[in-house]
Protein backbone atom coordinates (compact mmCIF):
# COMPACT_ATOMS: atom_id res chain seq x y z
CA MET A 1 -52.69 -110.36 66.78
CA ALA A 2 -49.85 -108.34 68.20
CA SER A 3 -46.32 -108.27 66.85
CA ARG A 4 -43.22 -106.53 68.14
CA THR A 5 -40.22 -105.25 66.22
CA LEU A 6 -36.88 -106.21 67.78
CA ARG A 7 -34.69 -103.25 68.63
CA GLY A 8 -31.28 -102.92 70.21
CA THR A 9 -30.12 -106.46 69.40
CA GLY A 10 -27.54 -105.67 66.73
CA THR A 11 -27.77 -105.53 62.97
CA ARG A 12 -28.61 -109.23 62.78
CA TRP A 13 -31.92 -108.82 64.58
CA ASP A 14 -32.75 -105.14 64.40
CA GLY A 15 -36.08 -104.62 62.63
CA ARG A 16 -37.19 -108.26 62.71
CA VAL A 17 -40.84 -108.68 63.69
CA VAL A 18 -41.81 -111.27 66.30
CA ASP A 19 -45.38 -112.33 67.10
CA ILE A 20 -45.84 -112.07 70.85
CA GLY A 21 -49.63 -112.44 71.08
CA ALA A 22 -51.51 -115.01 69.02
CA SER A 23 -48.99 -117.51 67.67
CA TYR A 24 -51.02 -118.63 64.68
CA PHE A 25 -54.56 -118.97 63.41
CA THR A 26 -56.72 -121.74 62.00
CA ILE A 27 -59.43 -121.61 59.34
CA SER A 28 -62.83 -123.31 59.48
CA ASP A 29 -65.41 -120.68 58.49
CA PRO A 30 -65.98 -120.25 54.72
CA ALA A 31 -66.13 -116.45 54.93
CA PHE A 32 -62.83 -116.29 56.82
CA ARG A 33 -61.26 -118.69 54.32
CA ALA A 34 -62.41 -116.48 51.44
CA ALA A 35 -60.74 -113.48 53.08
CA ILE A 36 -57.47 -115.30 53.79
CA GLU A 37 -56.95 -117.35 50.61
CA PRO A 38 -55.81 -114.35 48.52
CA LEU A 39 -53.22 -113.62 51.23
CA ILE A 40 -51.96 -117.19 51.02
CA THR A 41 -51.62 -116.78 47.26
CA ASP A 42 -49.63 -113.54 47.53
CA GLY A 43 -47.40 -114.83 50.35
CA THR A 44 -48.71 -112.63 53.16
CA VAL A 45 -49.90 -115.80 54.93
CA ARG A 46 -48.18 -119.18 54.90
CA SER A 47 -49.25 -122.66 55.90
CA TRP A 48 -47.10 -123.33 58.95
CA THR A 49 -47.76 -126.75 60.51
CA ASP A 50 -50.38 -129.19 61.71
CA THR A 51 -48.05 -130.80 64.28
CA PHE A 52 -46.73 -129.51 67.59
CA HIS A 53 -44.63 -131.19 70.23
CA VAL A 54 -45.96 -131.91 73.69
CA ALA A 55 -43.82 -131.60 76.82
CA GLY A 56 -44.16 -132.20 80.53
CA THR A 57 -42.02 -131.01 83.39
CA GLY A 58 -39.27 -133.42 82.33
CA GLY A 59 -39.03 -132.39 78.69
CA ILE A 60 -40.44 -133.33 75.28
CA GLU A 61 -42.79 -136.33 75.45
CA GLY A 62 -44.20 -136.60 71.91
CA VAL A 63 -46.22 -134.81 69.24
CA THR A 64 -49.84 -133.94 68.63
CA THR A 65 -51.54 -133.22 65.33
CA GLY A 66 -54.49 -130.99 64.56
CA PRO A 67 -55.73 -128.51 61.97
CA MET A 68 -53.33 -126.58 59.78
CA ARG A 69 -51.95 -123.53 61.58
CA TYR A 70 -51.25 -120.43 59.52
CA SER A 71 -48.64 -117.77 60.19
CA ALA A 72 -47.29 -114.68 58.45
CA PRO A 73 -43.66 -114.08 57.38
CA ALA A 74 -43.96 -110.37 58.24
CA GLY A 75 -45.84 -111.00 61.50
CA LEU A 76 -49.55 -111.48 62.05
CA ARG A 77 -50.15 -107.74 62.08
CA SER A 78 -49.31 -107.80 58.37
CA VAL A 79 -52.52 -109.80 57.84
CA VAL A 80 -54.54 -106.93 59.31
CA ALA A 81 -52.62 -104.42 57.20
CA ALA A 82 -53.30 -106.47 54.06
CA LEU A 83 -57.04 -106.67 54.76
CA ALA A 84 -57.48 -102.97 55.64
CA PRO A 85 -56.70 -101.06 52.39
CA GLY A 86 -59.80 -99.86 50.61
CA HIS A 87 -61.92 -100.43 53.69
CA LEU A 88 -60.40 -98.42 56.53
CA HIS A 89 -58.60 -95.14 57.12
CA ILE A 90 -56.28 -95.84 60.02
CA GLU A 91 -54.74 -93.35 62.42
CA HIS A 92 -51.89 -94.74 64.48
CA GLU A 93 -50.90 -93.75 68.02
CA ARG A 94 -54.00 -91.71 68.70
CA GLU A 95 -55.15 -92.03 72.30
CA VAL A 96 -58.91 -92.16 72.89
CA GLY A 97 -60.03 -90.87 76.27
CA GLY A 98 -63.78 -91.34 76.22
CA VAL A 99 -66.57 -92.93 74.18
CA LEU A 100 -69.98 -91.76 75.42
CA VAL A 101 -73.63 -92.15 74.53
CA ASP A 102 -75.10 -88.66 74.31
CA GLY A 103 -78.81 -88.88 73.52
CA PRO A 104 -79.13 -90.35 70.01
CA TRP A 105 -75.40 -89.93 69.33
CA VAL A 106 -72.11 -91.57 70.18
CA THR A 107 -69.20 -89.25 70.83
CA VAL A 108 -65.50 -90.05 70.74
CA ASP A 109 -63.57 -87.53 72.80
CA GLY A 110 -66.49 -85.13 72.40
CA LEU A 111 -66.86 -85.53 68.63
CA VAL A 112 -70.03 -87.09 67.23
CA SER A 113 -69.27 -90.32 65.35
CA ASP A 114 -71.50 -92.05 62.83
CA ARG A 115 -70.63 -95.52 64.10
CA VAL A 116 -68.28 -96.84 66.77
CA ALA A 117 -66.87 -100.36 67.11
CA LEU A 118 -64.76 -101.16 70.16
CA CYS A 119 -62.70 -104.21 69.24
CA MET A 120 -60.89 -105.10 72.43
CA PRO A 121 -61.42 -107.02 75.68
CA GLY A 122 -64.47 -105.82 77.59
CA PRO A 123 -62.53 -104.60 80.67
CA GLN A 124 -60.34 -102.40 78.45
CA ALA A 125 -63.33 -101.04 76.54
CA ALA A 126 -65.09 -100.23 79.82
CA ARG A 127 -62.23 -97.93 80.80
CA ILE A 128 -63.16 -95.53 78.02
CA CYS A 129 -66.86 -96.31 77.59
CA PRO A 130 -69.12 -96.45 80.67
CA ASP A 131 -72.18 -97.30 78.57
CA LEU A 132 -71.19 -100.92 77.94
CA PRO A 133 -72.81 -103.88 79.69
CA VAL A 134 -70.99 -105.37 82.66
CA ASP A 135 -68.45 -107.92 81.41
CA ALA A 136 -68.64 -111.10 83.50
CA THR A 137 -65.94 -112.82 81.45
CA VAL A 138 -62.99 -114.23 83.39
CA TRP A 139 -59.74 -113.34 81.66
CA GLU A 140 -56.39 -115.06 82.07
CA PRO A 141 -53.23 -112.95 81.95
CA VAL A 142 -50.14 -114.04 80.06
CA LEU A 143 -46.58 -112.77 80.07
CA ALA A 144 -44.95 -113.31 76.67
CA VAL A 145 -41.17 -113.69 76.83
CA THR A 146 -39.15 -113.26 73.62
CA CYS A 147 -35.67 -114.80 73.60
CA VAL A 148 -33.09 -114.10 70.87
CA PHE A 149 -30.19 -116.55 70.74
CA ALA A 150 -26.85 -116.44 68.93
CA GLU A 151 -27.70 -119.68 67.15
CA ARG A 152 -30.28 -122.45 67.13
CA SER A 153 -29.34 -125.13 69.69
CA TRP A 154 -32.63 -126.96 70.20
CA SER A 155 -34.12 -129.86 68.28
CA GLU A 156 -36.21 -129.12 65.19
CA LEU A 157 -39.75 -128.20 66.16
CA ASP A 158 -42.47 -125.66 65.45
CA GLY A 159 -44.09 -125.21 68.83
CA VAL A 160 -44.45 -126.98 72.15
CA PHE A 161 -47.50 -127.32 74.38
CA VAL A 162 -46.08 -127.55 77.90
CA ASN A 163 -48.43 -129.47 80.18
CA ASP A 164 -48.60 -129.47 83.98
CA ASP A 165 -45.72 -127.02 84.34
CA PRO A 166 -45.95 -124.06 86.74
CA VAL A 167 -43.80 -121.79 84.56
CA LEU A 168 -44.70 -122.17 80.87
CA THR A 169 -47.70 -123.31 78.85
CA TRP A 170 -46.46 -122.73 75.28
CA ILE A 171 -43.22 -122.24 73.36
CA ALA A 172 -43.20 -121.04 69.74
CA ASP A 173 -40.18 -121.34 67.48
CA ASP A 174 -40.49 -117.98 65.75
CA GLY A 175 -37.85 -118.85 63.17
CA ALA A 176 -39.87 -121.88 62.10
CA ARG A 177 -43.09 -119.88 62.23
CA ARG A 178 -41.70 -117.09 60.06
CA GLY A 179 -39.81 -119.49 57.82
CA ASP A 180 -36.42 -117.79 58.17
CA ASP A 181 -34.96 -120.17 60.82
CA ALA A 182 -33.97 -117.28 63.07
CA ALA A 183 -32.87 -118.34 66.55
CA VAL A 184 -35.86 -116.75 68.29
CA LEU A 185 -38.24 -118.36 70.78
CA VAL A 186 -41.42 -116.90 72.27
CA ALA A 187 -42.61 -118.45 75.53
CA HIS A 188 -45.97 -117.88 77.21
CA VAL A 189 -45.91 -117.90 80.98
CA HIS A 190 -48.48 -119.89 82.97
CA PRO A 191 -51.45 -117.64 83.88
CA VAL A 192 -51.03 -118.19 87.63
CA LEU A 193 -47.38 -117.16 87.53
CA SER A 194 -48.25 -114.30 85.16
CA ALA A 195 -50.96 -113.03 87.50
CA GLY A 196 -48.47 -112.81 90.33
CA HIS A 197 -46.01 -110.72 88.29
CA LEU A 198 -48.16 -108.25 86.37
CA ASP A 199 -46.52 -105.38 88.25
CA ASP A 200 -43.01 -106.74 87.73
CA PRO A 201 -42.99 -108.87 84.56
CA SER A 202 -39.20 -109.07 84.24
CA ALA A 203 -39.02 -111.01 87.52
CA VAL A 204 -40.18 -114.15 85.69
CA ILE A 205 -37.20 -114.20 83.31
CA PRO A 206 -34.88 -116.48 85.39
CA ASN A 207 -37.65 -119.07 85.81
CA VAL A 208 -38.56 -118.87 82.14
CA LEU A 209 -34.97 -119.38 80.95
CA ALA A 210 -34.51 -122.33 83.29
CA CYS A 211 -37.77 -123.85 82.04
CA LEU A 212 -36.76 -123.40 78.39
CA GLN A 213 -33.47 -125.17 79.06
CA ARG A 214 -35.24 -128.02 80.86
CA VAL A 215 -38.06 -128.50 78.34
CA LEU A 216 -35.94 -128.12 75.20
CA GLY A 217 -32.88 -129.89 76.57
CA MET A 218 -30.44 -127.08 75.85
CA SER A 219 -27.91 -125.09 77.84
CA ALA A 220 -27.66 -121.90 75.76
CA LEU A 221 -28.82 -118.57 77.16
CA PRO A 222 -30.27 -115.82 74.96
CA GLU A 223 -28.42 -112.70 73.88
CA TRP A 224 -31.54 -110.59 74.39
CA VAL A 225 -34.79 -111.05 76.32
CA ASP A 226 -38.01 -109.04 76.35
CA VAL A 227 -41.23 -109.47 78.34
CA HIS A 228 -44.67 -108.21 77.30
CA ARG A 229 -47.65 -108.16 79.65
CA TRP A 230 -51.07 -109.26 78.39
CA THR A 231 -53.42 -108.54 81.27
CA PHE A 232 -56.48 -109.75 79.34
CA ALA A 233 -54.86 -112.38 77.17
CA LYS A 234 -57.43 -115.14 77.04
CA PRO A 235 -61.08 -115.46 78.07
CA LEU A 236 -61.74 -118.72 79.88
CA GLN A 237 -64.87 -119.21 77.82
CA GLY A 238 -66.03 -117.74 74.53
CA ARG A 239 -69.47 -116.21 74.09
CA PRO A 240 -71.84 -117.67 71.47
CA GLU A 241 -73.14 -114.25 70.34
CA ASP A 242 -71.25 -112.67 67.45
CA TYR A 243 -70.97 -109.25 69.10
CA TRP A 244 -72.73 -106.77 71.38
CA LEU A 245 -74.70 -103.90 69.81
CA HIS A 246 -76.34 -101.04 71.69
CA ASP A 247 -80.12 -101.01 71.34
CA ASP A 248 -80.44 -97.30 70.57
CA VAL A 249 -77.20 -95.96 69.11
CA PRO A 250 -74.58 -97.24 66.62
CA LEU A 251 -72.14 -98.51 69.24
CA GLY A 252 -70.82 -102.07 69.32
CA LEU A 253 -68.28 -104.33 70.96
CA ALA A 254 -66.40 -107.12 69.19
CA GLY A 255 -63.38 -109.31 69.75
CA ASP A 256 -62.09 -112.83 70.18
CA VAL A 257 -64.35 -113.56 73.16
CA TRP A 258 -67.34 -113.43 70.78
CA ALA A 259 -68.44 -115.79 67.99
CA GLY A 260 -67.53 -118.82 70.05
CA GLY A 261 -63.93 -117.69 70.63
CA PRO A 262 -61.24 -117.33 71.71
CA ARG A 263 -59.61 -117.66 68.30
CA VAL A 264 -58.20 -115.26 65.70
CA GLU A 265 -60.91 -116.47 63.35
CA ALA A 266 -63.57 -115.69 65.97
CA ALA A 267 -62.21 -112.14 66.33
CA TRP A 268 -62.44 -111.65 62.56
CA LEU A 269 -65.96 -113.06 62.40
CA SER A 270 -67.06 -110.92 65.35
CA GLY A 271 -65.65 -107.70 63.92
CA SER A 272 -66.88 -108.41 60.40
CA ARG A 273 -70.41 -109.17 61.54
CA LEU A 274 -70.50 -106.18 63.86
CA GLY A 275 -69.38 -104.00 60.95
CA GLN A 276 -72.21 -105.32 58.84
CA ALA A 277 -74.71 -104.66 61.64
CA LEU A 278 -73.40 -101.12 62.19
CA GLY A 279 -73.52 -100.46 58.46
CA ALA A 280 -77.17 -101.42 58.40
CA ARG A 281 -77.97 -98.98 61.21
CA ASP A 282 -79.07 -95.44 60.49
CA ALA A 283 -76.28 -93.15 61.62
């Protein structure tokens, strides 16, 4: 649920948060609904839409309906911030170099920790913790391209699933998602094209802009463009288990690949249930 704050785009855009990872979330589990409903009441979360457009290589072809999608006016990271108080003490921008099993203990950078939950894709967790099981999950990469325009010049929409296109798979209207009608689009690049440009993400920008113009039927070019690389953006298949927990020490792994993911709701369920399991363990 990553968000990015726009910088360097003038006073009109400076400080505006854009969601560049998950575009929205859905709700089906009663426990997740119970956690989110107070945030809907206080305005942290808003009901966004149940309808998206569908496009092919030649442009918009129609619409598709589904479950209600929820977004957050202050970015999806504000949902995490709203759920954390009273439960977590958070340290920002602290780099962790190593999580190790040392006899009956788990150490984080050499310090013994009562309980450790690694909530991230398995390949990333394995970089700092060699005691995890081998992750056989196949992950798709995605390059997320944020485009800030001088004004809105495309037809009214919330998001577009782009089918059978070699450049884009998804376009989100961030102004519609946030509810402020800002002229901001976020486009997700096809995983095959993304995989070929992980070392040089900005090289996809010309193709992305041309695809946006073609799909949305517009000629405008953005005032500002940014590309973010998600190397492990989406697991091809979710795992039915809720989480992984070490047999002997209080060390666990959670994330959106678990609990039948990949979904934001699955990530919450996985982390919540891992937390309960770790809490029940003797430290």
